[in-house]
PDB file of N, CA and C in Angstrom:
ATOM      1  N   MET A   1      60.112 103.934  84.971  1.00  0.00           N
ATOM      2  CA  MET A   1      58.754 104.207  85.374  1.00  0.00           C
ATOM      3  C   MET A   1      58.442 103.344  86.589  1.00  0.00           C
ATOM      4  N   ILE A   2      57.903 103.993  87.585  1.00  0.00           N
ATOM      5  CA  ILE A   2      57.524 103.294  88.812  1.00  0.00           C
ATOM      6  C   ILE A   2      56.033 103.514  89.018  1.00  0.00           C
ATOM      7  N   LEU A   3      55.300 102.425  89.191  1.00  0.00           N
ATOM      8  CA  LEU A   3      53.862 102.497  89.439  1.00  0.00           C
ATOM      9  C   LEU A   3      53.574 101.908  90.814  1.00  0.00           C
ATOM     10  N   LYS A   4      52.754 102.607  91.607  1.00  0.00           N
ATOM     11  CA  LYS A   4      52.394 102.130  92.943  1.00  0.00           C
ATOM     12  C   LYS A   4      50.888 101.923  93.008  1.00  0.00           C
ATOM     13  N   LYS A   5      50.485 100.767  93.544  1.00  0.00           N
ATOM     14  CA  LYS A   5      49.056 100.482  93.680  1.00  0.00           C
ATOM     15  C   LYS A   5      48.406 101.329  94.772  1.00  0.00           C
ATOM     16  N   HIS A   6      49.064 101.438  95.898  1.00  0.00           N
ATOM     17  CA  HIS A   6      48.455 102.096  97.060  1.00  0.00           C
ATOM     18  C   HIS A   6      49.107 103.457  97.295  1.00  0.00           C
ATOM     19  N   LYS A   7      48.976 104.301  96.317  1.00  0.00           N
ATOM     20  CA  LYS A   7      49.554 105.639  96.374  1.00  0.00           C
ATOM     21  C   LYS A   7      48.629 106.569  97.153  1.00  0.00           C
ATOM     22  N   THR A   8      49.215 107.495  97.924  1.00  0.00           N
ATOM     23  CA  THR A   8      48.389 108.412  98.717  1.00  0.00           C
ATOM     24  C   THR A   8      48.024 109.682  97.948  1.00  0.00           C
ATOM     25  N   THR A   9      48.720 109.953  96.846  1.00  0.00           N
ATOM     26  CA  THR A   9      48.413 111.139  96.040  1.00  0.00           C
ATOM     27  C   THR A   9      48.083 110.698  94.617  1.00  0.00           C
ATOM     28  N   ASP A  10      47.428 111.601  93.877  1.00  0.00           N
ATOM     29  CA  ASP A  10      47.095 111.247  92.497  1.00  0.00           C
ATOM     30  C   ASP A  10      47.973 111.976  91.483  1.00  0.00           C
ATOM     31  N   ASP A  11      48.994 112.689  91.973  1.00  0.00           N
ATOM     32  CA  ASP A  11      49.900 113.365  91.048  1.00  0.00           C
ATOM     33  C   ASP A  11      50.934 112.374  90.500  1.00  0.00           C
ATOM     34  N   VAL A  12      51.661 112.825  89.483  1.00  0.00           N
ATOM     35  CA  VAL A  12      52.664 111.971  88.836  1.00  0.00           C
ATOM     36  C   VAL A  12      53.997 112.712  88.856  1.00  0.00           C
ATOM     37  N   LEU A  13      55.032 112.010  89.302  1.00  0.00           N
ATOM     38  CA  LEU A  13      56.371 112.590  89.342  1.00  0.00           C
ATOM     39  C   LEU A  13      57.126 112.182  88.088  1.00  0.00           C
ATOM     40  N   PHE A  14      57.588 113.180  87.345  1.00  0.00           N
ATOM     41  CA  PHE A  14      58.416 112.937  86.163  1.00  0.00           C
ATOM     42  C   PHE A  14      59.853 113.320  86.511  1.00  0.00           C
ATOM     43  N   ILE A  15      60.774 112.393  86.299  1.00  0.00           N
ATOM     44  CA  ILE A  15      62.196 112.651  86.525  1.00  0.00           C
ATOM     45  C   ILE A  15      62.917 112.423  85.208  1.00  0.00           C
ATOM     46  N   ASP A  16      63.642 113.442  84.763  1.00  0.00           N
ATOM     47  CA  ASP A  16      64.452 113.288  83.554  1.00  0.00           C
ATOM     48  C   ASP A  16      65.886 112.996  83.994  1.00  0.00           C
ATOM     49  N   ALA A  17      66.196 111.728  84.116  1.00  0.00           N
ATOM     50  CA  ALA A  17      67.530 111.297  84.543  1.00  0.00           C
ATOM     51  C   ALA A  17      68.376 110.906  83.332  1.00  0.00           C
ATOM     52  N   SER A  18      68.021 111.437  82.170  1.00  0.00           N
ATOM     53  CA  SER A  18      68.716 111.043  80.938  1.00  0.00           C
ATOM     54  C   SER A  18      70.174 111.481  80.914  1.00  0.00           C
ATOM     55  N   ARG A  19      70.520 112.439  81.770  1.00  0.00           N
ATOM     56  CA  ARG A  19      71.922 112.884  81.809  1.00  0.00           C
ATOM     57  C   ARG A  19      72.649 112.354  83.046  1.00  0.00           C
ATOM     58  N   GLU A  20      71.988 111.495  83.782  1.00  0.00           N
ATOM     59  CA  GLU A  20      72.573 110.939  85.007  1.00  0.00           C
ATOM     60  C   GLU A  20      73.279 109.620  84.702  1.00  0.00           C
ATOM     61  N   PHE A  21      74.442 109.707  84.111  1.00  0.00           N
ATOM     62  CA  PHE A  21      75.221 108.500  83.828  1.00  0.00           C
ATOM     63  C   PHE A  21      76.655 108.883  83.549  1.00  0.00           C
ATOM     64  N   GLU A  22      77.507 107.877  83.555  1.00  0.00           N
ATOM     65  CA  GLU A  22      78.890 108.050  83.113  1.00  0.00           C
ATOM     66  C   GLU A  22      79.085 107.170  81.896  1.00  0.00           C
ATOM     67  N   LYS A  23      79.808 107.701  80.919  1.00  0.00           N
ATOM     68  CA  LYS A  23      80.061 106.914  79.713  1.00  0.00           C
ATOM     69  C   LYS A  23      81.046 105.805  80.040  1.00  0.00           C
ATOM     70  N   ASP A  24      80.764 104.635  79.540  1.00  0.00           N
ATOM     71  CA  ASP A  24      81.651 103.488  79.701  1.00  0.00           C
ATOM     72  C   ASP A  24      81.924 102.940  78.313  1.00  0.00           C
ATOM     73  N   LYS A  25      82.746 101.927  78.230  1.00  0.00           N
ATOM     74  CA  LYS A  25      83.155 101.409  76.919  1.00  0.00           C
ATOM     75  C   LYS A  25      81.964 101.008  76.055  1.00  0.00           C
ATOM     76  N   ASN A  26      81.214 100.018  76.486  1.00  0.00           N
ATOM     77  CA  ASN A  26      80.129  99.488  75.653  1.00  0.00           C
ATOM     78  C   ASN A  26      78.768 100.080  75.988  1.00  0.00           C
ATOM     79  N   GLN A  27      78.590 100.479  77.230  1.00  0.00           N
ATOM     80  CA  GLN A  27      77.305 101.059  77.605  1.00  0.00           C
ATOM     81  C   GLN A  27      77.513 102.037  78.748  1.00  0.00           C
ATOM     82  N   ASN A  28      76.565 102.920  78.912  1.00  0.00           N
ATOM     83  CA  ASN A  28      76.653 103.908  79.979  1.00  0.00           C
ATOM     84  C   ASN A  28      76.278 103.253  81.301  1.00  0.00           C
ATOM     85  N   LYS A  29      76.792 103.820  82.407  1.00  0.00           N
ATOM     86  CA  LYS A  29      76.470 103.230  83.698  1.00  0.00           C
ATOM     87  C   LYS A  29      76.095 104.319  84.694  1.00  0.00           C
ATOM     88  N   LEU A  30      75.259 103.934  85.651  1.00  0.00           N
ATOM     89  CA  LEU A  30      74.862 104.831  86.724  1.00  0.00           C
ATOM     90  C   LEU A  30      75.857 104.697  87.867  1.00  0.00           C
ATOM     91  N   THR A  31      76.304 105.824  88.383  1.00  0.00           N
ATOM     92  CA  THR A  31      77.192 105.796  89.542  1.00  0.00           C
ATOM     93  C   THR A  31      76.335 105.845  90.806  1.00  0.00           C
ATOM     94  N   ALA A  32      76.973 105.658  91.940  1.00  0.00           N
ATOM     95  CA  ALA A  32      76.251 105.740  93.213  1.00  0.00           C
ATOM     96  C   ALA A  32      75.645 107.135  93.386  1.00  0.00           C
ATOM     97  N   ALA A  33      76.375 108.171  92.966  1.00  0.00           N
ATOM     98  CA  ALA A  33      75.864 109.547  93.070  1.00  0.00           C
ATOM     99  C   ALA A  33      74.649 109.749  92.167  1.00  0.00           C
ATOM    100  N   ASN A  34      74.682 109.170  90.956  1.00  0.00           N
ATOM    101  CA  ASN A  34      73.537 109.273  90.045  1.00  0.00           C
ATOM    102  C   ASN A  34      72.309 108.620  90.668  1.00  0.00           C
ATOM    103  N   ILE A  35      72.496 107.434  91.201  1.00  0.00           N
ATOM    104  CA  ILE A  35      71.382 106.691  91.806  1.00  0.00           C
ATOM    105  C   ILE A  35      70.842 107.447  93.014  1.00  0.00           C
ATOM    106  N   LYS A  36      71.743 107.989  93.836  1.00  0.00           N
ATOM    107  CA  LYS A  36      71.317 108.734  95.024  1.00  0.00           C
ATOM    108  C   LYS A  36      70.471 109.942  94.629  1.00  0.00           C
ATOM    109  N   LYS A  37      70.875 110.659  93.585  1.00  0.00           N
ATOM    110  CA  LYS A  37      70.115 111.833  93.139  1.00  0.00           C
ATOM    111  C   LYS A  37      68.720 111.423  92.672  1.00  0.00           C
ATOM    112  N   ILE A  38      68.644 110.336  91.926  1.00  0.00           N
ATOM    113  CA  ILE A  38      67.344 109.857  91.430  1.00  0.00           C
ATOM    114  C   ILE A  38      66.453 109.449  92.598  1.00  0.00           C
ATOM    115  N   VAL A  39      66.997 108.669  93.527  1.00  0.00           N
ATOM    116  CA  VAL A  39      66.215 108.182  94.671  1.00  0.00           C
ATOM    117  C   VAL A  39      65.776 109.345  95.562  1.00  0.00           C
ATOM    118  N   THR A  40      66.666 110.275  95.830  1.00  0.00           N
ATOM    119  CA  THR A  40      66.322 111.434  96.661  1.00  0.00           C
ATOM    120  C   THR A  40      65.207 112.252  96.009  1.00  0.00           C
ATOM    121  N   THR A  41      65.308 112.454  94.718  1.00  0.00           N
ATOM    122  CA  THR A  41      64.271 113.200  93.994  1.00  0.00           C
ATOM    123  C   THR A  41      62.943 112.459  94.072  1.00  0.00           C
ATOM    124  N   TYR A  42      62.984 111.145  93.931  1.00  0.00           N
ATOM    125  CA  TYR A  42      61.767 110.327  94.010  1.00  0.00           C
ATOM    126  C   TYR A  42      61.145 110.427  95.405  1.00  0.00           C
ATOM    127  N   GLN A  43      61.982 110.340  96.427  1.00  0.00           N
ATOM    128  CA  GLN A  43      61.470 110.371  97.800  1.00  0.00           C
ATOM    129  C   GLN A  43      60.908 111.747  98.168  1.00  0.00           C
ATOM    130  N   ASN A  44      61.544 112.808  97.705  1.00  0.00           N
ATOM    131  CA  ASN A  44      61.082 114.165  98.033  1.00  0.00           C
ATOM    132  C   ASN A  44      59.846 114.580  97.251  1.00  0.00           C
ATOM    133  N   ARG A  45      59.664 114.013  96.064  1.00  0.00           N
ATOM    134  CA  ARG A  45      58.504 114.305  95.209  1.00  0.00           C
ATOM    135  C   ARG A  45      58.273 115.810  95.059  1.00  0.00           C
ATOM    136  N   GLN A  46      59.327 116.523  94.681  1.00  0.00           N
ATOM    137  CA  GLN A  46      59.231 117.963  94.480  1.00  0.00           C
ATOM    138  C   GLN A  46      59.793 118.320  93.114  1.00  0.00           C
ATOM    139  N   ASP A  47      59.364 119.483  92.625  1.00  0.00           N
ATOM    140  CA  ASP A  47      59.923 119.977  91.365  1.00  0.00           C
ATOM    141  C   ASP A  47      61.400 120.318  91.563  1.00  0.00           C
ATOM    142  N   VAL A  48      62.205 119.916  90.614  1.00  0.00           N
ATOM    143  CA  VAL A  48      63.622 120.272  90.583  1.00  0.00           C
ATOM    144  C   VAL A  48      63.867 120.832  89.186  1.00  0.00           C
ATOM    145  N   ASP A  49      64.303 122.084  89.131  1.00  0.00           N
ATOM    146  CA  ASP A  49      64.478 122.764  87.852  1.00  0.00           C
ATOM    147  C   ASP A  49      65.311 121.933  86.879  1.00  0.00           C
ATOM    148  N   LYS A  50      64.780 121.732  85.693  1.00  0.00           N
ATOM    149  CA  LYS A  50      65.423 121.013  84.590  1.00  0.00           C
ATOM    150  C   LYS A  50      65.714 119.548  84.914  1.00  0.00           C
ATOM    151  N   TYR A  51      65.028 119.008  85.949  1.00  0.00           N
ATOM    152  CA  TYR A  51      65.291 117.619  86.336  1.00  0.00           C
ATOM    153  C   TYR A  51      64.013 116.845  86.681  1.00  0.00           C
ATOM    154  N   ALA A  52      63.107 117.467  87.443  1.00  0.00           N
ATOM    155  CA  ALA A  52      61.908 116.736  87.870  1.00  0.00           C
ATOM    156  C   ALA A  52      60.710 117.679  87.970  1.00  0.00           C
ATOM    157  N   HIS A  53      59.522 117.083  87.784  1.00  0.00           N
ATOM    158  CA  HIS A  53      58.285 117.863  87.877  1.00  0.00           C
ATOM    159  C   HIS A  53      57.165 116.967  88.387  1.00  0.00           C
ATOM    160  N   VAL A  54      56.390 117.509  89.330  1.00  0.00           N
ATOM    161  CA  VAL A  54      55.214 116.810  89.843  1.00  0.00           C
ATOM    162  C   VAL A  54      54.009 117.360  89.089  1.00  0.00           C
ATOM    163  N   ALA A  55      53.361 116.483  88.324  1.00  0.00           N
ATOM    164  CA  ALA A  55      52.231 116.910  87.488  1.00  0.00           C
ATOM    165  C   ALA A  55      50.917 116.412  88.082  1.00  0.00           C
ATOM    166  N   SER A  56      49.946 117.285  88.072  1.00  0.00           N
ATOM    167  CA  SER A  56      48.610 116.919  88.549  1.00  0.00           C
ATOM    168  C   SER A  56      47.871 116.185  87.433  1.00  0.00           C
ATOM    169  N   PRO A  57      46.814 115.459  87.797  1.00  0.00           N
ATOM    170  CA  PRO A  57      46.011 114.814  86.749  1.00  0.00           C
ATOM    171  C   PRO A  57      45.453 115.827  85.743  1.00  0.00           C
ATOM    172  N   ALA A  58      45.121 117.029  86.204  1.00  0.00           N
ATOM    173  CA  ALA A  58      44.597 118.062  85.295  1.00  0.00           C
ATOM    174  C   ALA A  58      45.662 118.462  84.277  1.00  0.00           C
ATOM    175  N   GLU A  59      46.910 118.592  84.726  1.00  0.00           N
ATOM    176  CA  GLU A  59      47.994 118.952  83.811  1.00  0.00           C
ATOM    177  C   GLU A  59      48.223 117.846  82.785  1.00  0.00           C
ATOM    178  N   ILE A  60      48.140 116.615  83.234  1.00  0.00           N
ATOM    179  CA  ILE A  60      48.310 115.482  82.309  1.00  0.00           C
ATOM    180  C   ILE A  60      47.170 115.464  81.299  1.00  0.00           C
ATOM    181  N   LYS A  61      45.957 115.765  81.761  1.00  0.00           N
ATOM    182  CA  LYS A  61      44.808 115.829  80.854  1.00  0.00           C
ATOM    183  C   LYS A  61      45.010 116.940  79.825  1.00  0.00           C
ATOM    184  N   GLU A  62      45.539 118.115  80.271  1.00  0.00           N
ATOM    185  CA  GLU A  62      45.811 119.230  79.354  1.00  0.00           C
ATOM    186  C   GLU A  62      46.802 118.825  78.263  1.00  0.00           C
ATOM    187  N   ASN A  63      47.665 117.899  78.586  1.00  0.00           N
ATOM    188  CA  ASN A  63      48.651 117.411  77.614  1.00  0.00           C
ATOM    189  C   ASN A  63      48.144 116.168  76.880  1.00  0.00           C
ATOM    190  N   ASP A  64      46.824 116.015  76.822  1.00  0.00           N
ATOM    191  CA  ASP A  64      46.177 114.886  76.133  1.00  0.00           C
ATOM    192  C   ASP A  64      46.709 113.542  76.612  1.00  0.00           C
ATOM    193  N   TYR A  65      46.986 113.452  77.897  1.00  0.00           N
ATOM    194  CA  TYR A  65      47.473 112.225  78.542  1.00  0.00           C
ATOM    195  C   TYR A  65      48.799 111.737  77.963  1.00  0.00           C
ATOM    196  N   ASN A  66      49.517 112.647  77.344  1.00  0.00           N
ATOM    197  CA  ASN A  66      50.843 112.318  76.822  1.00  0.00           C
ATOM    198  C   ASN A  66      51.818 112.325  77.998  1.00  0.00           C
ATOM    199  N   LEU A  67      52.485 111.204  78.234  1.00  0.00           N
ATOM    200  CA  LEU A  67      53.400 111.082  79.368  1.00  0.00           C
ATOM    201  C   LEU A  67      54.861 111.235  78.961  1.00  0.00           C
ATOM    202  N   ASN A  68      55.092 111.861  77.839  1.00  0.00           N
ATOM    203  CA  ASN A  68      56.452 112.098  77.370  1.00  0.00           C
ATOM    204  C   ASN A  68      57.141 113.085  78.329  1.00  0.00           C
ATOM    205  N   ILE A  69      58.269 112.700  78.892  1.00  0.00           N
ATOM    206  CA  ILE A  69      58.944 113.499  79.924  1.00  0.00           C
ATOM    207  C   ILE A  69      59.223 114.937  79.486  1.00  0.00           C
ATOM    208  N   PRO A  70      59.693 115.191  78.268  1.00  0.00           N
ATOM    209  CA  PRO A  70      59.967 116.589  77.891  1.00  0.00           C
ATOM    210  C   PRO A  70      58.748 117.515  77.937  1.00  0.00           C
ATOM    211  N   ARG A  71      57.543 116.961  77.957  1.00  0.00           N
ATOM    212  CA  ARG A  71      56.346 117.806  78.098  1.00  0.00           C
ATOM    213  C   ARG A  71      56.258 118.404  79.500  1.00  0.00           C
ATOM    214  N   TYR A  72      56.916 117.750  80.455  1.00  0.00           N
ATOM    215  CA  TYR A  72      56.795 118.162  81.852  1.00  0.00           C
ATOM    216  C   TYR A  72      58.107 118.698  82.444  1.00  0.00           C
ATOM    217  N   VAL A  73      59.220 118.216  81.932  1.00  0.00           N
ATOM    218  CA  VAL A  73      60.529 118.641  82.448  1.00  0.00           C
ATOM    219  C   VAL A  73      61.274 119.328  81.314  1.00  0.00           C
ATOM    220  N   ASP A  74      61.421 120.642  81.445  1.00  0.00           N
ATOM    221  CA  ASP A  74      62.109 121.423  80.413  1.00  0.00           C
ATOM    222  C   ASP A  74      63.604 121.424  80.707  1.00  0.00           C
ATOM    223  N   THR A  75      64.382 120.765  79.854  1.00  0.00           N
ATOM    224  CA  THR A  75      65.833 120.693  80.054  1.00  0.00           C
ATOM    225  C   THR A  75      66.581 121.609  79.089  1.00  0.00           C
ATOM    226  N   PHE A  76      65.856 122.474  78.409  1.00  0.00           N
ATOM    227  CA  PHE A  76      66.481 123.353  77.420  1.00  0.00           C
ATOM    228  C   PHE A  76      67.468 124.302  78.086  1.00  0.00           C
ATOM    229  N   GLU A  77      68.663 124.376  77.534  1.00  0.00           N
ATOM    230  CA  GLU A  77      69.694 125.312  77.996  1.00  0.00           C
ATOM    231  C   GLU A  77      69.949 126.302  76.865  1.00  0.00           C
ATOM    232  N   PRO A  78      69.680 127.579  77.083  1.00  0.00           N
ATOM    233  CA  PRO A  78      69.921 128.551  76.008  1.00  0.00           C
ATOM    234  C   PRO A  78      71.416 128.678  75.720  1.00  0.00           C
ATOM    235  N   GLU A  79      71.716 128.940  74.463  1.00  0.00           N
ATOM    236  CA  GLU A  79      73.106 129.146  74.056  1.00  0.00           C
ATOM    237  C   GLU A  79      73.612 130.439  74.692  1.00  0.00           C
ATOM    238  N   PRO A  80      74.856 130.443  75.123  1.00  0.00           N
ATOM    239  CA  PRO A  80      75.377 131.690  75.692  1.00  0.00           C
ATOM    240  C   PRO A  80      75.441 132.775  74.620  1.00  0.00           C
ATOM    241  N   GLU A  81      75.163 134.007  75.035  1.00  0.00           N
ATOM    242  CA  GLU A  81      75.203 135.115  74.081  1.00  0.00           C
ATOM    243  C   GLU A  81      76.644 135.388  73.675  1.00  0.00           C
ATOM    244  N   ILE A  82      76.813 135.700  72.407  1.00  0.00           N
ATOM    245  CA  ILE A  82      78.142 135.972  71.871  1.00  0.00           C
ATOM    246  C   ILE A  82      78.329 137.480  71.792  1.00  0.00           C
ATOM    247  N   ASP A  83      79.409 137.962  72.370  1.00  0.00           N
ATOM    248  CA  ASP A  83      79.746 139.384  72.335  1.00  0.00           C
ATOM    249  C   ASP A  83      80.433 139.668  71.001  1.00  0.00           C
ATOM    250  N   LEU A  84      79.673 140.187  70.038  1.00  0.00           N
ATOM    251  CA  LEU A  84      80.205 140.418  68.695  1.00  0.00           C
ATOM    252  C   LEU A  84      81.335 141.439  68.686  1.00  0.00           C
ATOM    253  N   ASP A  85      81.262 142.433  69.557  1.00  0.00           N
ATOM    254  CA  ASP A  85      82.354 143.410  69.623  1.00  0.00           C
ATOM    255  C   ASP A  85      83.653 142.732  70.055  1.00  0.00           C
ATOM    256  N   GLN A  86      83.545 141.805  71.006  1.00  0.00           N
ATOM    257  CA  GLN A  86      84.733 141.079  71.462  1.00  0.00           C
ATOM    258  C   GLN A  86      85.265 140.176  70.356  1.00  0.00           C
ATOM    259  N   VAL A  87      84.366 139.533  69.615  1.00  0.00           N
ATOM    260  CA  VAL A  87      84.789 138.672  68.505  1.00  0.00           C
ATOM    261  C   VAL A  87      85.522 139.502  67.456  1.00  0.00           C
ATOM    262  N   LYS A  88      84.978 140.687  67.134  1.00  0.00           N
ATOM    263  CA  LYS A  88      85.641 141.565  66.160  1.00  0.00           C
ATOM    264  C   LYS A  88      87.021 141.980  66.650  1.00  0.00           C
ATOM    265  N   ALA A  89      87.132 142.306  67.929  1.00  0.00           N
ATOM    266  CA  ALA A  89      88.426 142.706  68.497  1.00  0.00           C
ATOM    267  C   ALA A  89      89.415 141.542  68.451  1.00  0.00           C
ATOM    268  N   ASP A  90      88.928 140.344  68.769  1.00  0.00           N
ATOM    269  CA  ASP A  90      89.794 139.157  68.719  1.00  0.00           C
ATOM    270  C   ASP A  90      90.277 138.894  67.298  1.00  0.00           C
ATOM    271  N   LEU A  91      89.374 139.015  66.323  1.00  0.00           N
ATOM    272  CA  LEU A  91      89.753 138.799  64.923  1.00  0.00           C
ATOM    273  C   LEU A  91      90.777 139.832  64.465  1.00  0.00           C
ATOM    274  N   LYS A  92      90.586 141.081  64.876  1.00  0.00           N
ATOM    275  CA  LYS A  92      91.537 142.134  64.510  1.00  0.00           C
ATOM    276  C   LYS A  92      92.911 141.816  65.088  1.00  0.00           C
ATOM    277  N   GLN A  93      92.940 141.386  66.347  1.00  0.00           N
ATOM    278  CA  GLN A  93      94.201 141.031  66.997  1.00  0.00           C
ATOM    279  C   GLN A  93      94.867 139.863  66.269  1.00  0.00           C
ATOM    280  N   LEU A  94      94.090 138.859  65.906  1.00  0.00           N
ATOM    281  CA  LEU A  94      94.640 137.703  65.187  1.00  0.00           C
ATOM    282  C   LEU A  94      95.173 138.110  63.816  1.00  0.00           C
ATOM    283  N   ASP A  95      94.452 138.992  63.130  1.00  0.00           N
ATOM    284  CA  ASP A  95      94.930 139.481  61.827  1.00  0.00           C
ATOM    285  C   ASP A  95      96.273 140.195  61.971  1.00  0.00           C
ATOM    286  N   GLU A  96      96.392 140.994  63.030  1.00  0.00           N
ATOM    287  CA  GLU A  96      97.661 141.695  63.267  1.00  0.00           C
ATOM    288  C   GLU A  96      98.792 140.698  63.532  1.00  0.00           C
ATOM    289  N   GLU A  97      98.507 139.672  64.332  1.00  0.00           N
ATOM    290  CA  GLU A  97      99.522 138.657  64.626  1.00  0.00           C
ATOM    291  C   GLU A  97      99.919 137.901  63.356  1.00  0.00           C
ATOM    292  N   ILE A  98      98.941 137.585  62.521  1.00  0.00           N
ATOM    293  CA  ILE A  98      99.235 136.894  61.257  1.00  0.00           C
ATOM    294  C   ILE A  98     100.120 137.770  60.386  1.00  0.00           C
ATOM    295  N   SER A  99      99.794 139.047  60.303  1.00  0.00           N
ATOM    296  CA  SER A  99     100.583 139.976  59.492  1.00  0.00           C
ATOM    297  C   SER A  99     102.020 140.055  60.004  1.00  0.00           C
ATOM    298  N   GLN A 100     102.188 140.154  61.313  1.00  0.00           N
ATOM    299  CA  GLN A 100     103.531 140.203  61.900  1.00  0.00           C
ATOM    300  C   GLN A 100     104.298 138.910  61.629  1.00  0.00           C
ATOM    301  N   ASN A 101     103.620 137.782  61.759  1.00  0.00           N
ATOM    302  CA  ASN A 101     104.273 136.490  61.512  1.00  0.00           C
ATOM    303  C   ASN A 101     104.657 136.326  60.045  1.00  0.00           C
ATOM    304  N   LYS A 102     103.806 136.800  59.134  1.00  0.00           N
ATOM    305  CA  LYS A 102     104.143 136.744  57.705  1.00  0.00           C
ATOM    306  C   LYS A 102     105.382 137.585  57.420  1.00  0.00           C
ATOM    307  N   GLN A 103     105.419 138.775  58.011  1.00  0.00           N
ATOM    308  CA  GLN A 103     106.559 139.666  57.798  1.00  0.00           C
ATOM    309  C   GLN A 103     107.839 139.021  58.340  1.00  0.00           C
ATOM    310  N   ALA A 104     107.787 138.443  59.522  1.00  0.00           N
ATOM    311  CA  ALA A 104     108.962 137.783  60.102  1.00  0.00           C
ATOM    312  C   ALA A 104     109.387 136.598  59.243  1.00  0.00           C
ATOM    313  N   PHE A 105     108.419 135.835  58.748  1.00  0.00           N
ATOM    314  CA  PHE A 105     108.720 134.694  57.883  1.00  0.00           C
ATOM    315  C   PHE A 105     109.413 135.157  56.603  1.00  0.00           C
ATOM    316  N   ASN A 106     108.870 136.196  55.981  1.00  0.00           N
ATOM    317  CA  ASN A 106     109.461 136.706  54.737  1.00  0.00           C
ATOM    318  C   ASN A 106     110.892 137.203  54.960  1.00  0.00           C
ATOM    319  N   GLU A 107     111.131 137.865  56.090  1.00  0.00           N
ATOM    320  CA  GLU A 107     112.487 138.327  56.397  1.00  0.00           C
ATOM    321  C   GLU A 107     113.440 137.145  56.565  1.00  0.00           C
ATOM    322  N   LEU A 108     112.999 136.124  57.299  1.00  0.00           N
ATOM    323  CA  LEU A 108     113.842 134.938  57.489  1.00  0.00           C
ATOM    324  C   LEU A 108     114.083 134.214  56.166  1.00  0.00           C
ATOM    325  N   ALA A 109     113.037 134.117  55.349  1.00  0.00           N
ATOM    326  CA  ALA A 109     113.177 133.441  54.054  1.00  0.00           C
ATOM    327  C   ALA A 109     114.148 134.204  53.158  1.00  0.00           C
ATOM    328  N   SER A 110     114.087 135.535  53.159  1.00  0.00           N
ATOM    329  CA  SER A 110     115.007 136.308  52.311  1.00  0.00           C
ATOM    330  C   SER A 110     116.439 136.181  52.820  1.00  0.00           C
ATOM    331  N   GLN A 111     116.630 136.115  54.126  1.00  0.00           N
ATOM    332  CA  GLN A 111     117.972 135.902  54.678  1.00  0.00           C
ATOM    333  C   GLN A 111     118.511 134.538  54.270  1.00  0.00           C
ATOM    334  N   LEU A 112     117.646 133.538  54.294  1.00  0.00           N
ATOM    335  CA  LEU A 112     118.046 132.187  53.914  1.00  0.00           C
ATOM    336  C   LEU A 112     118.449 132.149  52.450  1.00  0.00           C
ATOM    337  N   VAL A 113     117.683 132.772  51.587  1.00  0.00           N
ATOM    338  CA  VAL A 113     117.991 132.806  50.154  1.00  0.00           C
ATOM    339  C   VAL A 113     119.295 133.560  49.929  1.00  0.00           C
ATOM    340  N   THR A 114     119.494 134.696  50.589  1.00  0.00           N
ATOM    341  CA  THR A 114     120.724 135.482  50.450  1.00  0.00           C
ATOM    342  C   THR A 114     121.925 134.673  50.912  1.00  0.00           C
ATOM    343  N   THR A 115     121.796 133.961  52.012  1.00  0.00           N
ATOM    344  CA  THR A 115     122.890 133.138  52.532  1.00  0.00           C
ATOM    345  C   THR A 115     123.231 132.029  51.557  1.00  0.00           C
ATOM    346  N   GLN A 116     122.236 131.381  50.979  1.00  0.00           N
ATOM    347  CA  GLN A 116     122.488 130.288  50.032  1.00  0.00           C
ATOM    348  C   GLN A 116     123.164 130.814  48.770  1.00  0.00           C
ATOM    349  N   VAL A 117     122.747 131.952  48.265  1.00  0.00           N
ATOM    350  CA  VAL A 117     123.341 132.526  47.057  1.00  0.00           C
ATOM    351  C   VAL A 117     124.793 132.899  47.339  1.00  0.00           C
ATOM    352  N   THR A 118     125.067 133.493  48.486  1.00  0.00           N
ATOM    353  CA  THR A 118     126.429 133.884  48.853  1.00  0.00           C
ATOM    354  C   THR A 118     127.319 132.657  48.988  1.00  0.00           C
ATOM    355  N   ASP A 119     126.828 131.598  49.610  1.00  0.00           N
ATOM    356  CA  ASP A 119     127.610 130.370  49.781  1.00  0.00           C
ATOM    357  C   ASP A 119     127.914 129.719  48.440  1.00  0.00           C
ATOM    358  N   GLN A 120     126.995 129.760  47.514  1.00  0.00           N
ATOM    359  CA  GLN A 120     127.195 129.119  46.208  1.00  0.00           C
ATOM    360  C   GLN A 120     128.145 129.920  45.330  1.00  0.00           C
ATOM    361  N   SER A 121     128.266 131.214  45.556  1.00  0.00           N
ATOM    362  CA  SER A 121     129.138 132.035  44.710  1.00  0.00           C
ATOM    363  C   SER A 121     130.602 131.940  45.134  1.00  0.00           C
ATOM    364  N   LYS A 122     130.878 131.437  46.339  1.00  0.00           N
ATOM    365  CA  LYS A 122     132.260 131.283  46.784  1.00  0.00           C
ATOM    366  C   LYS A 122     132.878 130.078  46.085  1.00  0.00           C
ATOM    367  N   PRO A 123     134.122 130.232  45.584  1.00  0.00           N
ATOM    368  CA  PRO A 123     134.781 129.067  44.982  1.00  0.00           C
ATOM    369  C   PRO A 123     135.161 128.081  46.075  1.00  0.00           C
ATOM    370  N   GLU A 124     135.075 126.824  45.723  1.00  0.00           N
ATOM    371  CA  GLU A 124     135.413 125.786  46.687  1.00  0.00           C
ATOM    372  C   GLU A 124     136.921 125.666  46.793  1.00  0.00           C
ATOM    373  N   ALA A 125     137.381 125.519  47.986  1.00  0.00           N
ATOM    374  CA  ALA A 125     138.829 125.348  48.195  1.00  0.00           C
ATOM    375  C   ALA A 125     139.166 123.882  48.046  1.00  0.00           C
ATOM    376  N   HIS A 126     140.169 123.596  47.211  1.00  0.00           N
ATOM    377  CA  HIS A 126     140.594 122.210  47.018  1.00  0.00           C
ATOM    378  C   HIS A 126     141.856 121.978  47.817  1.00  0.00           C
ATOM    379  N   ASN A 127     141.885 120.908  48.469  1.00  0.00           N
ATOM    380  CA  ASN A 127     143.092 120.544  49.210  1.00  0.00           C
ATOM    381  C   ASN A 127     144.052 119.857  48.266  1.00  0.00           C
ATOM    382  N   GLU A 128     145.199 120.447  48.052  1.00  0.00           N
ATOM    383  CA  GLU A 128     146.196 119.831  47.183  1.00  0.00           C
ATOM    384  C   GLU A 128     147.301 119.290  48.056  1.00  0.00           C
ATOM    385  N   ARG A 129     147.767 118.101  47.724  1.00  0.00           N
ATOM    386  CA  ARG A 129     148.825 117.494  48.514  1.00  0.00           C
ATOM    387  C   ARG A 129     150.071 117.422  47.739  1.00  0.00           C
TER     388      ARG A 129
END
């Protein structure tokens, strides 16, 4: 929050810089690019979609003087729509692949069992000297 005594306008700039950081080991840190974006937004004093909003005193009054940033800066991102037909097609394809893999596994397993039974039925050759 920045307050200026000798301000030329009576509006209030809200900046939601809550996503302007890089994760670090113990605490998050601001990069030079993060700081530059914040400072540029402050200097320009303009609305930036999902980042900053210039609110008039009337707008602040309408919000019962609540200065909570989300009241002024909407950062909501809608979930992408899911194509249910594509999901159904993908599931059908996966089911087919699973079925094919099960069949291949069963064939290999039966070959392995047949090979083991055949090997065990052969008499062992003893070397006599």
